[in-house]
Amino acid sequence: QQQLENVFNELENRIERCITKDGGL
């Protein structure tokens, strides 16, 4: 469960960074 929580926390971080970059990669 802890691994899954870490994975999805990381996903949120990645999404926030994409939003900050206005979707740019």
PDB file of all heavy atoms in Angstrom:
ATOM      1  N   GLN A   1       0.839  -1.200   0.000  1.00  0.00           N
ATOM      2  CA  GLN A   1       0.000   0.000   0.000  1.00  0.00           C
ATOM      3  C   GLN A   1       0.876   1.253   0.000  1.00  0.00           C
ATOM      4  O   GLN A   1       0.610   2.213  -0.699  1.00  0.00           O
ATOM      5  CB  GLN A   1      -0.923  -0.015   1.222  1.00  0.00           C
ATOM      6  CG  GLN A   1      -1.858   1.175   1.298  1.00  0.00           C
ATOM      7  CD  GLN A   1      -2.943   1.154   0.247  1.00  0.00           C
ATOM      8  OE1 GLN A   1      -3.383   0.085  -0.176  1.00  0.00           O
ATOM      9  NE2 GLN A   1      -3.367   2.313  -0.198  1.00  0.00           N
ATOM     10  N   GLN A   2       1.962   1.221   0.787  1.00  0.00           N
ATOM     11  CA  GLN A   2       2.865   2.372   0.864  1.00  0.00           C
ATOM     12  C   GLN A   2       3.531   2.645  -0.480  1.00  0.00           C
ATOM     13  O   GLN A   2       3.654   3.800  -0.895  1.00  0.00           O
ATOM     14  CB  GLN A   2       3.942   2.151   1.944  1.00  0.00           C
ATOM     15  CG  GLN A   2       4.820   3.374   2.162  1.00  0.00           C
ATOM     16  CD  GLN A   2       4.022   4.595   2.618  1.00  0.00           C
ATOM     17  OE1 GLN A   2       3.322   4.532   3.610  1.00  0.00           O
ATOM     18  NE2 GLN A   2       4.124   5.686   1.872  1.00  0.00           N
ATOM     19  N   GLN A   3       3.935   1.583  -1.193  1.00  0.00           N
ATOM     20  CA  GLN A   3       4.525   1.772  -2.521  1.00  0.00           C
ATOM     21  C   GLN A   3       3.519   2.438  -3.455  1.00  0.00           C
ATOM     22  O   GLN A   3       3.864   3.359  -4.195  1.00  0.00           O
ATOM     23  CB  GLN A   3       4.972   0.434  -3.106  1.00  0.00           C
ATOM     24  CG  GLN A   3       6.247  -0.101  -2.511  1.00  0.00           C
ATOM     25  CD  GLN A   3       6.548  -1.493  -3.014  1.00  0.00           C
ATOM     26  OE1 GLN A   3       5.762  -2.410  -2.817  1.00  0.00           O
ATOM     27  NE2 GLN A   3       7.686  -1.639  -3.670  1.00  0.00           N
ATOM     28  N   LEU A   4       2.271   1.969  -3.422  1.00  0.00           N
ATOM     29  CA  LEU A   4       1.241   2.555  -4.289  1.00  0.00           C
ATOM     30  C   LEU A   4       0.992   4.015  -3.929  1.00  0.00           C
ATOM     31  O   LEU A   4       0.835   4.857  -4.815  1.00  0.00           O
ATOM     32  CB  LEU A   4      -0.051   1.752  -4.208  1.00  0.00           C
ATOM     33  CG  LEU A   4       0.013   0.348  -4.802  1.00  0.00           C
ATOM     34  CD1 LEU A   4      -1.307  -0.385  -4.577  1.00  0.00           C
ATOM     35  CD2 LEU A   4       0.356   0.394  -6.281  1.00  0.00           C
ATOM     36  N   GLU A   5       0.957   4.320  -2.640  1.00  0.00           N
ATOM     37  CA  GLU A   5       0.778   5.718  -2.232  1.00  0.00           C
ATOM     38  C   GLU A   5       1.928   6.575  -2.748  1.00  0.00           C
ATOM     39  O   GLU A   5       1.700   7.678  -3.250  1.00  0.00           O
ATOM     40  CB  GLU A   5       0.664   5.810  -0.708  1.00  0.00           C
ATOM     41  CG  GLU A   5      -0.661   5.295  -0.190  1.00  0.00           C
ATOM     42  CD  GLU A   5      -0.766   5.321   1.331  1.00  0.00           C
ATOM     43  OE1 GLU A   5      -0.037   6.112   1.982  1.00  0.00           O
ATOM     44  OE2 GLU A   5      -1.582   4.551   1.870  1.00  0.00           O
ATOM     45  N   ASN A   6       3.153   6.065  -2.661  1.00  0.00           N
ATOM     46  CA  ASN A   6       4.309   6.807  -3.175  1.00  0.00           C
ATOM     47  C   ASN A   6       4.213   7.021  -4.675  1.00  0.00           C
ATOM     48  O   ASN A   6       4.519   8.107  -5.187  1.00  0.00           O
ATOM     49  CB  ASN A   6       5.614   6.074  -2.840  1.00  0.00           C
ATOM     50  CG  ASN A   6       5.919   6.052  -1.356  1.00  0.00           C
ATOM     51  OD1 ASN A   6       5.349   6.812  -0.575  1.00  0.00           O
ATOM     52  ND2 ASN A   6       6.806   5.154  -0.959  1.00  0.00           N
ATOM     53  N   VAL A   7       3.788   5.980  -5.406  1.00  0.00           N
ATOM     54  CA  VAL A   7       3.656   6.069  -6.862  1.00  0.00           C
ATOM     55  C   VAL A   7       2.651   7.154  -7.234  1.00  0.00           C
ATOM     56  O   VAL A   7       2.893   7.971  -8.122  1.00  0.00           O
ATOM     57  CB  VAL A   7       3.250   4.704  -7.461  1.00  0.00           C
ATOM     58  CG1 VAL A   7       2.783   4.848  -8.903  1.00  0.00           C
ATOM     59  CG2 VAL A   7       4.396   3.718  -7.367  1.00  0.00           C
ATOM     60  N   PHE A   8       1.514   7.184  -6.545  1.00  0.00           N
ATOM     61  CA  PHE A   8       0.489   8.154  -6.912  1.00  0.00           C
ATOM     62  C   PHE A   8       0.796   9.551  -6.392  1.00  0.00           C
ATOM     63  O   PHE A   8       0.395  10.541  -7.009  1.00  0.00           O
ATOM     64  CB  PHE A   8      -0.904   7.646  -6.538  1.00  0.00           C
ATOM     65  CG  PHE A   8      -1.328   6.563  -7.487  1.00  0.00           C
ATOM     66  CD1 PHE A   8      -1.199   5.228  -7.142  1.00  0.00           C
ATOM     67  CD2 PHE A   8      -1.769   6.878  -8.758  1.00  0.00           C
ATOM     68  CE1 PHE A   8      -1.537   4.223  -8.046  1.00  0.00           C
ATOM     69  CE2 PHE A   8      -2.097   5.886  -9.671  1.00  0.00           C
ATOM     70  CZ  PHE A   8      -1.990   4.559  -9.313  1.00  0.00           C
ATOM     71  N   ASN A   9       1.551   9.662  -5.296  1.00  0.00           N
ATOM     72  CA  ASN A   9       2.055  10.980  -4.899  1.00  0.00           C
ATOM     73  C   ASN A   9       3.009  11.511  -5.961  1.00  0.00           C
ATOM     74  O   ASN A   9       2.983  12.702  -6.304  1.00  0.00           O
ATOM     75  CB  ASN A   9       2.760  10.913  -3.541  1.00  0.00           C
ATOM     76  CG  ASN A   9       1.791  10.779  -2.396  1.00  0.00           C
ATOM     77  OD1 ASN A   9       0.628  11.150  -2.500  1.00  0.00           O
ATOM     78  ND2 ASN A   9       2.263  10.222  -1.287  1.00  0.00           N
ATOM     79  N   GLU A  10       3.859  10.627  -6.486  1.00  0.00           N
ATOM     80  CA  GLU A  10       4.775  11.021  -7.556  1.00  0.00           C
ATOM     81  C   GLU A  10       4.002  11.426  -8.808  1.00  0.00           C
ATOM     82  O   GLU A  10       4.359  12.388  -9.487  1.00  0.00           O
ATOM     83  CB  GLU A  10       5.755   9.880  -7.863  1.00  0.00           C
ATOM     84  CG  GLU A  10       6.688  10.157  -9.017  1.00  0.00           C
ATOM     85  CD  GLU A  10       7.632  11.333  -8.818  1.00  0.00           C
ATOM     86  OE1 GLU A  10       7.815  11.810  -7.677  1.00  0.00           O
ATOM     87  OE2 GLU A  10       8.188  11.797  -9.829  1.00  0.00           O
ATOM     88  N   LEU A  11       2.923  10.703  -9.120  1.00  0.00           N
ATOM     89  CA  LEU A  11       2.099  11.065 -10.279  1.00  0.00           C
ATOM     90  C   LEU A  11       1.528  12.469 -10.100  1.00  0.00           C
ATOM     91  O   LEU A  11       1.570  13.281 -11.031  1.00  0.00           O
ATOM     92  CB  LEU A  11       0.975  10.049 -10.489  1.00  0.00           C
ATOM     93  CG  LEU A  11       0.024  10.340 -11.649  1.00  0.00           C
ATOM     94  CD1 LEU A  11       0.772  10.406 -12.975  1.00  0.00           C
ATOM     95  CD2 LEU A  11      -1.080   9.294 -11.700  1.00  0.00           C
ATOM     96  N   GLU A  12       1.021  12.777  -8.913  1.00  0.00           N
ATOM     97  CA  GLU A  12       0.509  14.129  -8.656  1.00  0.00           C
ATOM     98  C   GLU A  12       1.606  15.172  -8.861  1.00  0.00           C
ATOM     99  O   GLU A  12       1.359  16.217  -9.467  1.00  0.00           O
ATOM    100  CB  GLU A  12      -0.043  14.227  -7.232  1.00  0.00           C
ATOM    101  CG  GLU A  12      -1.381  13.570  -7.049  1.00  0.00           C
ATOM    102  CD  GLU A  12      -1.912  13.733  -5.627  1.00  0.00           C
ATOM    103  OE1 GLU A  12      -1.608  14.764  -4.981  1.00  0.00           O
ATOM    104  OE2 GLU A  12      -2.627  12.831  -5.186  1.00  0.00           O
ATOM    105  N   ASN A  13       2.808  14.876  -8.359  1.00  0.00           N
ATOM    106  CA  ASN A  13       3.926  15.812  -8.538  1.00  0.00           C
ATOM    107  C   ASN A  13       4.233  16.018 -10.014  1.00  0.00           C
ATOM    108  O   ASN A  13       4.484  17.152 -10.458  1.00  0.00           O
ATOM    109  CB  ASN A  13       5.188  15.295  -7.833  1.00  0.00           C
ATOM    110  CG  ASN A  13       5.059  15.324  -6.332  1.00  0.00           C
ATOM    111  OD1 ASN A  13       4.272  16.083  -5.774  1.00  0.00           O
ATOM    112  ND2 ASN A  13       5.826  14.471  -5.665  1.00  0.00           N
ATOM    113  N   ARG A  14       4.232  14.958 -10.784  1.00  0.00           N
ATOM    114  CA  ARG A  14       4.530  15.046 -12.218  1.00  0.00           C
ATOM    115  C   ARG A  14       3.452  15.847 -12.944  1.00  0.00           C
ATOM    116  O   ARG A  14       3.750  16.660 -13.820  1.00  0.00           O
ATOM    117  CB  ARG A  14       4.655  13.646 -12.815  1.00  0.00           C
ATOM    118  CG  ARG A  14       5.909  12.927 -12.371  1.00  0.00           C
ATOM    119  CD  ARG A  14       5.878  11.449 -12.730  1.00  0.00           C
ATOM    120  NE  ARG A  14       7.075  10.785 -12.255  1.00  0.00           N
ATOM    121  CZ  ARG A  14       7.959  10.187 -13.027  1.00  0.00           C
ATOM    122  NH1 ARG A  14       7.777  10.133 -14.326  1.00  0.00           N
ATOM    123  NH2 ARG A  14       9.017   9.618 -12.513  1.00  0.00           N
ATOM    124  N   ILE A  15       2.192  15.621 -12.578  1.00  0.00           N
ATOM    125  CA  ILE A  15       1.095  16.364 -13.204  1.00  0.00           C
ATOM    126  C   ILE A  15       1.223  17.853 -12.873  1.00  0.00           C
ATOM    127  O   ILE A  15       1.077  18.713 -13.746  1.00  0.00           O
ATOM    128  CB  ILE A  15      -0.274  15.800 -12.756  1.00  0.00           C
ATOM    129  CG1 ILE A  15      -0.474  14.418 -13.382  1.00  0.00           C
ATOM    130  CG2 ILE A  15      -1.399  16.750 -13.130  1.00  0.00           C
ATOM    131  CD1 ILE A  15      -1.656  13.649 -12.834  1.00  0.00           C
ATOM    132  N   GLU A  16       1.509  18.157 -11.607  1.00  0.00           N
ATOM    133  CA  GLU A  16       1.678  19.562 -11.216  1.00  0.00           C
ATOM    134  C   GLU A  16       2.817  20.223 -11.981  1.00  0.00           C
ATOM    135  O   GLU A  16       2.704  21.370 -12.404  1.00  0.00           O
ATOM    136  CB  GLU A  16       1.917  19.662  -9.704  1.00  0.00           C
ATOM    137  CG  GLU A  16       0.663  19.408  -8.898  1.00  0.00           C
ATOM    138  CD  GLU A  16       0.904  19.314  -7.400  1.00  0.00           C
ATOM    139  OE1 GLU A  16       2.002  19.695  -6.925  1.00  0.00           O
ATOM    140  OE2 GLU A  16      -0.020  18.850  -6.710  1.00  0.00           O
ATOM    141  N   ARG A  17       3.916  19.496 -12.196  1.00  0.00           N
ATOM    142  CA  ARG A  17       5.036  20.064 -12.959  1.00  0.00           C
ATOM    143  C   ARG A  17       4.649  20.295 -14.418  1.00  0.00           C
ATOM    144  O   ARG A  17       5.071  21.272 -15.018  1.00  0.00           O
ATOM    145  CB  ARG A  17       6.271  19.178 -12.847  1.00  0.00           C
ATOM    146  CG  ARG A  17       6.980  19.394 -11.502  1.00  0.00           C
ATOM    147  CD  ARG A  17       8.182  18.531 -11.361  1.00  0.00           C
ATOM    148  NE  ARG A  17       7.704  17.247 -10.841  1.00  0.00           N
ATOM    149  CZ  ARG A  17       8.443  16.187 -10.614  1.00  0.00           C
ATOM    150  NH1 ARG A  17       9.726  16.213 -10.875  1.00  0.00           N
ATOM    151  NH2 ARG A  17       7.931  15.093 -10.124  1.00  0.00           N
ATOM    152  N   CYS A  18       3.841  19.377 -14.983  1.00  0.00           N
ATOM    153  CA  CYS A  18       3.375  19.585 -16.365  1.00  0.00           C
ATOM    154  C   CYS A  18       2.477  20.810 -16.444  1.00  0.00           C
ATOM    155  O   CYS A  18       2.570  21.594 -17.393  1.00  0.00           O
ATOM    156  CB  CYS A  18       2.621  18.352 -16.867  1.00  0.00           C
ATOM    157  SG  CYS A  18       3.701  17.003 -17.345  1.00  0.00           S
ATOM    158  N   ILE A  19       1.607  20.980 -15.447  1.00  0.00           N
ATOM    159  CA  ILE A  19       0.718  22.151 -15.422  1.00  0.00           C
ATOM    160  C   ILE A  19       1.552  23.424 -15.311  1.00  0.00           C
ATOM    161  O   ILE A  19       1.315  24.400 -16.023  1.00  0.00           O
ATOM    162  CB  ILE A  19      -0.305  22.037 -14.271  1.00  0.00           C
ATOM    163  CG1 ILE A  19      -1.294  20.906 -14.566  1.00  0.00           C
ATOM    164  CG2 ILE A  19      -1.023  23.362 -14.047  1.00  0.00           C
ATOM    165  CD1 ILE A  19      -2.173  20.513 -13.386  1.00  0.00           C
ATOM    166  N   THR A  20       2.555  23.409 -14.432  1.00  0.00           N
ATOM    167  CA  THR A  20       3.444  24.568 -14.260  1.00  0.00           C
ATOM    168  C   THR A  20       4.120  24.930 -15.576  1.00  0.00           C
ATOM    169  O   THR A  20       4.303  26.102 -15.889  1.00  0.00           O
ATOM    170  CB  THR A  20       4.505  24.271 -13.181  1.00  0.00           C
ATOM    171  OG1 THR A  20       3.822  23.967 -11.966  1.00  0.00           O
ATOM    172  CG2 THR A  20       5.422  25.448 -12.969  1.00  0.00           C
ATOM    173  N   LYS A  21       4.494  23.922 -16.355  1.00  0.00           N
ATOM    174  CA  LYS A  21       5.147  24.148 -17.642  1.00  0.00           C
ATOM    175  C   LYS A  21       4.124  24.343 -18.762  1.00  0.00           C
ATOM    176  O   LYS A  21       4.464  24.291 -19.937  1.00  0.00           O
ATOM    177  CB  LYS A  21       6.057  22.972 -17.997  1.00  0.00           C
ATOM    178  CG  LYS A  21       7.125  22.693 -16.982  1.00  0.00           C
ATOM    179  CD  LYS A  21       8.428  23.279 -17.438  1.00  0.00           C
ATOM    180  CE  LYS A  21       9.502  22.974 -16.429  1.00  0.00           C
ATOM    181  NZ  LYS A  21      10.350  24.099 -16.190  1.00  0.00           N
ATOM    182  N   ASP A  22       2.836  24.511 -18.393  1.00  0.00           N
ATOM    183  CA  ASP A  22       1.752  24.689 -19.353  1.00  0.00           C
ATOM    184  C   ASP A  22       1.688  23.516 -20.341  1.00  0.00           C
ATOM    185  O   ASP A  22       1.487  23.696 -21.529  1.00  0.00           O
ATOM    186  CB  ASP A  22       1.907  26.021 -20.094  1.00  0.00           C
ATOM    187  CG  ASP A  22       0.603  26.465 -20.744  1.00  0.00           C
ATOM    188  OD1 ASP A  22      -0.482  26.046 -20.281  1.00  0.00           O
ATOM    189  OD2 ASP A  22       0.664  27.216 -21.726  1.00  0.00           O
ATOM    190  N   GLY A  23       1.903  22.320 -19.802  1.00  0.00           N
ATOM    191  CA  GLY A  23       1.809  21.117 -20.625  1.00  0.00           C
ATOM    192  C   GLY A  23       3.049  20.804 -21.422  1.00  0.00           C
ATOM    193  O   GLY A  23       3.138  19.761 -22.053  1.00  0.00           O
ATOM    194  N   GLY A  24       4.008  21.702 -21.425  1.00  0.00           N
ATOM    195  CA  GLY A  24       5.203  21.495 -22.226  1.00  0.00           C
ATOM    196  C   GLY A  24       6.092  20.398 -21.669  1.00  0.00           C
ATOM    197  O   GLY A  24       6.146  20.189 -20.472  1.00  0.00           O
ATOM    198  N   LEU A  25       6.769  19.721 -22.569  1.00  0.00           N
ATOM    199  CA  LEU A  25       7.676  18.658 -22.154  1.00  0.00           C
ATOM    200  C   LEU A  25       9.123  19.036 -22.463  1.00  0.00           C
ATOM    201  O   LEU A  25       9.975  18.180 -22.582  1.00  0.00           O
ATOM    202  CB  LEU A  25       7.310  17.343 -22.846  1.00  0.00           C
ATOM    203  CG  LEU A  25       5.984  16.733 -22.425  1.00  0.00           C
ATOM    204  CD1 LEU A  25       5.674  15.522 -23.278  1.00  0.00           C
ATOM    205  CD2 LEU A  25       6.013  16.340 -20.974  1.00  0.00           C
TER     206      LEU A  25
END
